[in-house]
Amino acid sequence: MKIALVEDTAALRDTFADVLSAVHGHELVCAYPTAEEARRDLHPGKVDLFVVDLDLPGETGVEFIRWLHGSGHGIPSVVWTIHEGRDVVYAALKAGAVGYLIKSIQPFEMQVALDEIQAGGAPMSPRIARRLLNDLMDTTTPVPPIESLTTRERSILRAVARGESYKQISAAFGISPNTVHTHLNNIYRKLHVIGRAEALARAQAMGLIVRA
């Protein structure tokens, strides 16, 4: 298969290339740091599979997978991530991912996973498969509770909803852009979401923000 990787960290793009170099019958033909670049460069016949990280700047991995799944291109996608949280796994699979792989995957495991996708299967890292199986067997499994946001986190989330940039938020609150990024990561973790769009949608549903 001809494979495209969407991963914003250069070192991890190199890591994936190293893993794939030990895999037979599959080739990494392109790699993109953002979902937006992957969209712009997509044309028929270029790739057979997208391998997608979830933590992407701009459009998130889940959003890209959802778009790709509904785009009519007929190109499947598989998640490649460090995230193992229940909500994140379900969000990616519901968006249309055909598999869910953890970044610690070894070359022989990657070989099996890619061969399975080529054969029409849906590979999962063992811990993810066990978690899904446990959920299916236990219908009382609760959804993880959403933690309360601090006053500062709510204020920053409202600023994001207004469309303010990291630079504008840092100036308004007298904090560094890195601190803004830390606050947003904490917000995403507490709301059990990946990325800005999902955080805003969840916050609106909870009544934390009101968007026109």
C-alpha atoms as a PDB file:
ATOM      1  CA  MET A   1       0.000   0.000   0.000  1.00  0.00           C
ATOM      2  CA  LYS A   2       1.020   3.595  -0.595  1.00  0.00           C
ATOM      3  CA  ILE A   3       0.818   5.315   2.779  1.00  0.00           C
ATOM      4  CA  ALA A   4       0.511   8.970   3.766  1.00  0.00           C
ATOM      5  CA  LEU A   5       1.335  10.085   7.306  1.00  0.00           C
ATOM      6  CA  VAL A   6      -0.236  13.111   9.016  1.00  0.00           C
ATOM      7  CA  GLU A   7       1.964  13.972  12.018  1.00  0.00           C
ATOM      8  CA  ASP A   8       3.061  17.420  13.160  1.00  0.00           C
ATOM      9  CA  THR A   9       6.273  16.408  14.996  1.00  0.00           C
ATOM     10  CA  ALA A  10       9.252  15.994  12.675  1.00  0.00           C
ATOM     11  CA  ALA A  11      11.025  13.490  14.948  1.00  0.00           C
ATOM     12  CA  LEU A  12       7.922  11.284  15.015  1.00  0.00           C
ATOM     13  CA  ARG A  13       7.634  11.447  11.237  1.00  0.00           C
ATOM     14  CA  ASP A  14      11.187  10.083  11.162  1.00  0.00           C
ATOM     15  CA  THR A  15      10.255   7.414  13.721  1.00  0.00           C
ATOM     16  CA  PHE A  16       7.329   6.266  11.599  1.00  0.00           C
ATOM     17  CA  ALA A  17       9.518   6.176   8.493  1.00  0.00           C
ATOM     18  CA  ASP A  18      12.017   3.992  10.364  1.00  0.00           C
ATOM     19  CA  VAL A  19       9.275   1.598  11.478  1.00  0.00           C
ATOM     20  CA  LEU A  20       7.822   1.412   7.976  1.00  0.00           C
ATOM     21  CA  SER A  21      11.251   0.792   6.438  1.00  0.00           C
ATOM     22  CA  ALA A  22      11.224  -2.621   8.151  1.00  0.00           C
ATOM     23  CA  VAL A  23       7.755  -3.450   6.796  1.00  0.00           C
ATOM     24  CA  HIS A  24       7.381  -5.301   3.507  1.00  0.00           C
ATOM     25  CA  GLY A  25       4.806  -4.488   0.852  1.00  0.00           C
ATOM     26  CA  HIS A  26       3.983  -0.986   2.114  1.00  0.00           C
ATOM     27  CA  GLU A  27       5.595   2.346   1.253  1.00  0.00           C
ATOM     28  CA  LEU A  28       5.527   5.795   2.848  1.00  0.00           C
ATOM     29  CA  VAL A  29       4.958   8.117  -0.116  1.00  0.00           C
ATOM     30  CA  CYS A  30       4.284  11.399   1.696  1.00  0.00           C
ATOM     31  CA  ALA A  31       4.084  12.957   5.141  1.00  0.00           C
ATOM     32  CA  TYR A  32       2.277  16.103   6.232  1.00  0.00           C
ATOM     33  CA  PRO A  33       2.585  18.227   9.392  1.00  0.00           C
ATOM     34  CA  THR A  34      -1.067  19.310   9.267  1.00  0.00           C
ATOM     35  CA  ALA A  35      -4.411  17.968   8.123  1.00  0.00           C
ATOM     36  CA  GLU A  36      -4.907  21.060   5.984  1.00  0.00           C
ATOM     37  CA  GLU A  37      -1.769  20.282   3.947  1.00  0.00           C
ATOM     38  CA  ALA A  38      -2.879  16.676   3.528  1.00  0.00           C
ATOM     39  CA  ARG A  39      -6.236  17.861   2.185  1.00  0.00           C
ATOM     40  CA  ARG A  40      -4.655  20.260  -0.304  1.00  0.00           C
ATOM     41  CA  ASP A  41      -2.296  17.624  -1.689  1.00  0.00           C
ATOM     42  CA  LEU A  42      -4.840  14.806  -1.961  1.00  0.00           C
ATOM     43  CA  HIS A  43      -5.609  13.531  -5.432  1.00  0.00           C
ATOM     44  CA  PRO A  44      -6.839  10.187  -6.830  1.00  0.00           C
ATOM     45  CA  GLY A  45      -4.342   7.352  -6.878  1.00  0.00           C
ATOM     46  CA  LYS A  46      -1.703   9.062  -4.764  1.00  0.00           C
ATOM     47  CA  VAL A  47      -2.223   7.069  -1.546  1.00  0.00           C
ATOM     48  CA  ASP A  48      -4.066   3.967  -0.377  1.00  0.00           C
ATOM     49  CA  LEU A  49      -4.079   4.693   3.364  1.00  0.00           C
ATOM     50  CA  PHE A  50      -3.726   7.646   5.719  1.00  0.00           C
ATOM     51  CA  VAL A  51      -1.995   7.113   9.074  1.00  0.00           C
ATOM     52  CA  VAL A  52      -3.167   9.966  11.291  1.00  0.00           C
ATOM     53  CA  ASP A  53      -1.976  11.419  14.579  1.00  0.00           C
ATOM     54  CA  LEU A  54      -4.736  12.944  16.724  1.00  0.00           C
ATOM     55  CA  ASP A  55      -2.882  15.930  18.219  1.00  0.00           C
ATOM     56  CA  LEU A  56      -2.558  18.164  15.175  1.00  0.00           C
ATOM     57  CA  PRO A  57      -2.402  21.954  14.983  1.00  0.00           C
ATOM     58  CA  GLY A  58      -5.480  23.471  13.386  1.00  0.00           C
ATOM     59  CA  GLU A  59      -7.812  20.716  12.245  1.00  0.00           C
ATOM     60  CA  THR A  60      -7.535  17.750  14.617  1.00  0.00           C
ATOM     61  CA  GLY A  61      -6.892  14.174  13.594  1.00  0.00           C
ATOM     62  CA  VAL A  62     -10.470  13.204  14.427  1.00  0.00           C
ATOM     63  CA  GLU A  63     -11.808  16.046  12.286  1.00  0.00           C
ATOM     64  CA  PHE A  64      -9.579  15.031   9.378  1.00  0.00           C
ATOM     65  CA  ILE A  65     -10.630  11.384   9.669  1.00  0.00           C
ATOM     66  CA  ARG A  66     -14.304  12.417   9.711  1.00  0.00           C
ATOM     67  CA  TRP A  67     -13.793  14.577   6.605  1.00  0.00           C
ATOM     68  CA  LEU A  68     -11.840  11.860   4.781  1.00  0.00           C
ATOM     69  CA  HIS A  69     -14.437   9.229   5.630  1.00  0.00           C
ATOM     70  CA  GLY A  70     -17.220  11.354   4.157  1.00  0.00           C
ATOM     71  CA  SER A  71     -15.256  12.805   1.242  1.00  0.00           C
ATOM     72  CA  GLY A  72     -15.963  10.043  -1.252  1.00  0.00           C
ATOM     73  CA  HIS A  73     -12.259   9.416  -1.950  1.00  0.00           C
ATOM     74  CA  GLY A  74     -12.545   5.883  -0.599  1.00  0.00           C
ATOM     75  CA  ILE A  75      -9.220   6.121   1.250  1.00  0.00           C
ATOM     76  CA  PRO A  76      -9.235   4.516   4.717  1.00  0.00           C
ATOM     77  CA  SER A  77      -7.463   5.971   7.722  1.00  0.00           C
ATOM     78  CA  VAL A  78      -5.880   4.454  10.799  1.00  0.00           C
ATOM     79  CA  VAL A  79      -4.998   6.291  14.018  1.00  0.00           C
ATOM     80  CA  TRP A  80      -1.374   6.395  15.212  1.00  0.00           C
ATOM     81  CA  THR A  81      -1.269   8.081  18.602  1.00  0.00           C
ATOM     82  CA  ILE A  82      -0.206   8.017  22.259  1.00  0.00           C
ATOM     83  CA  HIS A  83      -3.793   8.517  23.451  1.00  0.00           C
ATOM     84  CA  GLU A  84      -5.614   5.542  24.935  1.00  0.00           C
ATOM     85  CA  GLY A  85      -8.530   7.275  26.682  1.00  0.00           C
ATOM     86  CA  ARG A  86     -11.950   5.727  26.131  1.00  0.00           C
ATOM     87  CA  ASP A  87     -13.594   8.878  24.784  1.00  0.00           C
ATOM     88  CA  VAL A  88     -10.746   9.538  22.338  1.00  0.00           C
ATOM     89  CA  VAL A  89     -10.787   5.978  21.014  1.00  0.00           C
ATOM     90  CA  TYR A  90     -14.542   6.053  20.439  1.00  0.00           C
ATOM     91  CA  ALA A  91     -14.403   9.512  18.827  1.00  0.00           C
ATOM     92  CA  ALA A  92     -11.802   8.358  16.300  1.00  0.00           C
ATOM     93  CA  LEU A  93     -13.609   5.126  15.461  1.00  0.00           C
ATOM     94  CA  LYS A  94     -16.971   6.878  15.140  1.00  0.00           C
ATOM     95  CA  ALA A  95     -15.319   9.405  12.807  1.00  0.00           C
ATOM     96  CA  GLY A  96     -14.446   6.532  10.471  1.00  0.00           C
ATOM     97  CA  ALA A  97     -10.971   5.233  11.385  1.00  0.00           C
ATOM     98  CA  VAL A  98     -10.506   1.582  10.415  1.00  0.00           C
ATOM     99  CA  GLY A  99      -7.948   0.946  13.138  1.00  0.00           C
ATOM    100  CA  TYR A 100      -6.300   2.359  16.246  1.00  0.00           C
ATOM    101  CA  LEU A 101      -2.563   1.914  16.789  1.00  0.00           C
ATOM    102  CA  ILE A 102      -0.386   3.150  19.653  1.00  0.00           C
ATOM    103  CA  LYS A 103       2.903   4.845  18.735  1.00  0.00           C
ATOM    104  CA  SER A 104       4.977   2.285  20.617  1.00  0.00           C
ATOM    105  CA  ILE A 105       4.015  -0.291  17.966  1.00  0.00           C
ATOM    106  CA  GLN A 106       6.907  -2.463  16.782  1.00  0.00           C
ATOM    107  CA  PRO A 107       7.731  -3.115  13.094  1.00  0.00           C
ATOM    108  CA  PHE A 108       6.396  -6.681  13.148  1.00  0.00           C
ATOM    109  CA  GLU A 109       3.126  -5.410  14.702  1.00  0.00           C
ATOM    110  CA  MET A 110       2.916  -2.677  12.059  1.00  0.00           C
ATOM    111  CA  GLN A 111       3.408  -5.318   9.358  1.00  0.00           C
ATOM    112  CA  VAL A 112       0.491  -7.333  10.724  1.00  0.00           C
ATOM    113  CA  ALA A 113      -1.706  -4.234  11.110  1.00  0.00           C
ATOM    114  CA  LEU A 114      -1.106  -2.940   7.570  1.00  0.00           C
ATOM    115  CA  ASP A 115      -1.571  -6.374   6.039  1.00  0.00           C
ATOM    116  CA  GLU A 116      -4.852  -6.654   7.955  1.00  0.00           C
ATOM    117  CA  ILE A 117      -6.062  -3.300   6.635  1.00  0.00           C
ATOM    118  CA  GLN A 118      -5.157  -4.329   3.094  1.00  0.00           C
ATOM    119  CA  ALA A 119      -7.244  -7.473   3.610  1.00  0.00           C
ATOM    120  CA  GLY A 120     -10.213  -5.419   4.786  1.00  0.00           C
ATOM    121  CA  GLY A 121      -9.658  -5.803   8.525  1.00  0.00           C
ATOM    122  CA  ALA A 122      -9.623  -3.324  11.396  1.00  0.00           C
ATOM    123  CA  PRO A 123      -6.450  -3.652  13.481  1.00  0.00           C
ATOM    124  CA  MET A 124      -6.244  -2.445  17.081  1.00  0.00           C
ATOM    125  CA  SER A 125      -3.306  -2.282  19.456  1.00  0.00           C
ATOM    126  CA  PRO A 126      -3.858  -5.016  22.071  1.00  0.00           C
ATOM    127  CA  ARG A 127      -4.696  -2.651  24.948  1.00  0.00           C
ATOM    128  CA  ILE A 128      -7.241  -0.814  22.800  1.00  0.00           C
ATOM    129  CA  ALA A 129      -8.855  -4.062  21.654  1.00  0.00           C
ATOM    130  CA  ARG A 130      -9.103  -5.278  25.249  1.00  0.00           C
ATOM    131  CA  ARG A 131     -10.689  -1.994  26.334  1.00  0.00           C
ATOM    132  CA  LEU A 132     -13.310  -2.161  23.581  1.00  0.00           C
ATOM    133  CA  LEU A 133     -14.040  -5.782  24.425  1.00  0.00           C
ATOM    134  CA  ASN A 134     -14.457  -4.961  28.101  1.00  0.00           C
ATOM    135  CA  ASP A 135     -16.856  -2.135  27.223  1.00  0.00           C
ATOM    136  CA  LEU A 136     -18.936  -4.469  25.074  1.00  0.00           C
ATOM    137  CA  MET A 137     -19.137  -7.011  27.891  1.00  0.00           C
ATOM    138  CA  ASP A 138     -19.916  -4.415  30.563  1.00  0.00           C
ATOM    139  CA  THR A 139     -22.914  -2.271  29.609  1.00  0.00           C
ATOM    140  CA  THR A 140     -22.660  -0.392  32.899  1.00  0.00           C
ATOM    141  CA  THR A 141     -19.269   1.132  32.073  1.00  0.00           C
ATOM    142  CA  PRO A 142     -19.676   4.812  32.973  1.00  0.00           C
ATOM    143  CA  VAL A 143     -18.539   7.674  30.808  1.00  0.00           C
ATOM    144  CA  PRO A 144     -15.549   9.338  32.507  1.00  0.00           C
ATOM    145  CA  PRO A 145     -16.767  12.367  34.473  1.00  0.00           C
ATOM    146  CA  ILE A 146     -15.955  15.794  33.131  1.00  0.00           C
ATOM    147  CA  GLU A 147     -13.777  17.668  35.595  1.00  0.00           C
ATOM    148  CA  SER A 148     -14.661  21.209  36.619  1.00  0.00           C
ATOM    149  CA  LEU A 149     -12.814  23.968  34.795  1.00  0.00           C
ATOM    150  CA  THR A 150     -11.162  26.689  36.830  1.00  0.00           C
ATOM    151  CA  THR A 151     -12.296  30.302  36.447  1.00  0.00           C
ATOM    152  CA  ARG A 152      -9.171  31.037  34.399  1.00  0.00           C
ATOM    153  CA  GLU A 153      -9.764  28.019  32.146  1.00  0.00           C
ATOM    154  CA  ARG A 154     -13.366  29.079  31.528  1.00  0.00           C
ATOM    155  CA  SER A 155     -12.212  32.591  30.646  1.00  0.00           C
ATOM    156  CA  ILE A 156      -9.597  31.283  28.219  1.00  0.00           C
ATOM    157  CA  LEU A 157     -12.118  28.926  26.647  1.00  0.00           C
ATOM    158  CA  ARG A 158     -14.515  31.842  26.097  1.00  0.00           C
ATOM    159  CA  ALA A 159     -11.672  33.825  24.508  1.00  0.00           C
ATOM    160  CA  VAL A 160     -11.004  30.909  22.154  1.00  0.00           C
ATOM    161  CA  ALA A 161     -14.726  30.808  21.304  1.00  0.00           C
ATOM    162  CA  ARG A 162     -14.493  34.494  20.352  1.00  0.00           C
ATOM    163  CA  GLY A 163     -11.775  33.583  17.866  1.00  0.00           C
ATOM    164  CA  GLU A 164      -8.875  35.158  19.735  1.00  0.00           C
ATOM    165  CA  SER A 165      -5.353  33.935  18.935  1.00  0.00           C
ATOM    166  CA  TYR A 166      -2.789  32.592  21.422  1.00  0.00           C
ATOM    167  CA  LYS A 167      -0.995  35.958  21.188  1.00  0.00           C
ATOM    168  CA  GLN A 168      -4.170  37.926  21.935  1.00  0.00           C
ATOM    169  CA  ILE A 169      -5.094  35.664  24.848  1.00  0.00           C
ATOM    170  CA  SER A 170      -1.610  35.841  26.371  1.00  0.00           C
ATOM    171  CA  ALA A 171      -1.672  39.648  26.164  1.00  0.00           C
ATOM    172  CA  ALA A 172      -5.165  39.890  27.645  1.00  0.00           C
ATOM    173  CA  PHE A 173      -4.353  37.649  30.609  1.00  0.00           C
ATOM    174  CA  GLY A 174      -0.743  38.724  31.117  1.00  0.00           C
ATOM    175  CA  ILE A 175       0.624  35.221  30.552  1.00  0.00           C
ATOM    176  CA  SER A 176       2.972  33.664  28.006  1.00  0.00           C
ATOM    177  CA  PRO A 177       1.742  31.835  24.888  1.00  0.00           C
ATOM    178  CA  ASN A 178       3.231  28.648  26.386  1.00  0.00           C
ATOM    179  CA  THR A 179       1.032  29.102  29.457  1.00  0.00           C
ATOM    180  CA  VAL A 180      -1.998  29.565  27.195  1.00  0.00           C
ATOM    181  CA  HIS A 181      -1.082  26.292  25.493  1.00  0.00           C
ATOM    182  CA  THR A 182      -0.809  24.566  28.888  1.00  0.00           C
ATOM    183  CA  HIS A 183      -4.226  25.869  29.941  1.00  0.00           C
ATOM    184  CA  LEU A 184      -5.767  24.622  26.694  1.00  0.00           C
ATOM    185  CA  ASN A 185      -4.227  21.172  27.108  1.00  0.00           C
ATOM    186  CA  ASN A 186      -5.700  21.026  30.622  1.00  0.00           C
ATOM    187  CA  ILE A 187      -9.089  22.058  29.238  1.00  0.00           C
ATOM    188  CA  TYR A 188      -8.952  19.364  26.553  1.00  0.00           C
ATOM    189  CA  ARG A 189      -8.016  16.744  29.148  1.00  0.00           C
ATOM    190  CA  LYS A 190     -10.799  17.743  31.523  1.00  0.00           C
ATOM    191  CA  LEU A 191     -13.421  17.793  28.773  1.00  0.00           C
ATOM    192  CA  HIS A 192     -12.152  14.503  27.263  1.00  0.00           C
ATOM    193  CA  VAL A 193     -11.689  16.012  23.809  1.00  0.00           C
ATOM    194  CA  ILE A 194      -8.993  16.337  21.172  1.00  0.00           C
ATOM    195  CA  GLY A 195      -8.504  19.858  19.888  1.00  0.00           C
ATOM    196  CA  ARG A 196     -10.186  23.225  19.830  1.00  0.00           C
ATOM    197  CA  ALA A 197     -13.277  22.415  17.750  1.00  0.00           C
ATOM    198  CA  GLU A 198     -14.297  19.487  19.939  1.00  0.00           C
ATOM    199  CA  ALA A 199     -13.636  21.495  23.122  1.00  0.00           C
ATOM    200  CA  LEU A 200     -15.878  24.323  21.934  1.00  0.00           C
ATOM    201  CA  ALA A 201     -18.636  21.921  20.904  1.00  0.00           C
ATOM    202  CA  ARG A 202     -18.496  20.126  24.267  1.00  0.00           C
ATOM    203  CA  ALA A 203     -18.385  23.396  26.213  1.00  0.00           C
ATOM    204  CA  GLN A 204     -21.369  24.748  24.296  1.00  0.00           C
ATOM    205  CA  ALA A 205     -23.336  21.567  24.983  1.00  0.00           C
ATOM    206  CA  MET A 206     -22.491  21.954  28.675  1.00  0.00           C
ATOM    207  CA  GLY A 207     -23.555  25.594  28.721  1.00  0.00           C
ATOM    208  CA  LEU A 208     -20.043  26.849  29.503  1.00  0.00           C
ATOM    209  CA  ILE A 209     -20.042  29.107  26.464  1.00  0.00           C
ATOM    210  CA  VAL A 210     -22.674  30.563  24.181  1.00  0.00           C
ATOM    211  CA  ARG A 211     -21.792  30.833  20.506  1.00  0.00           C
ATOM    212  CA  ALA A 212     -23.780  32.739  17.921  1.00  0.00           C
END
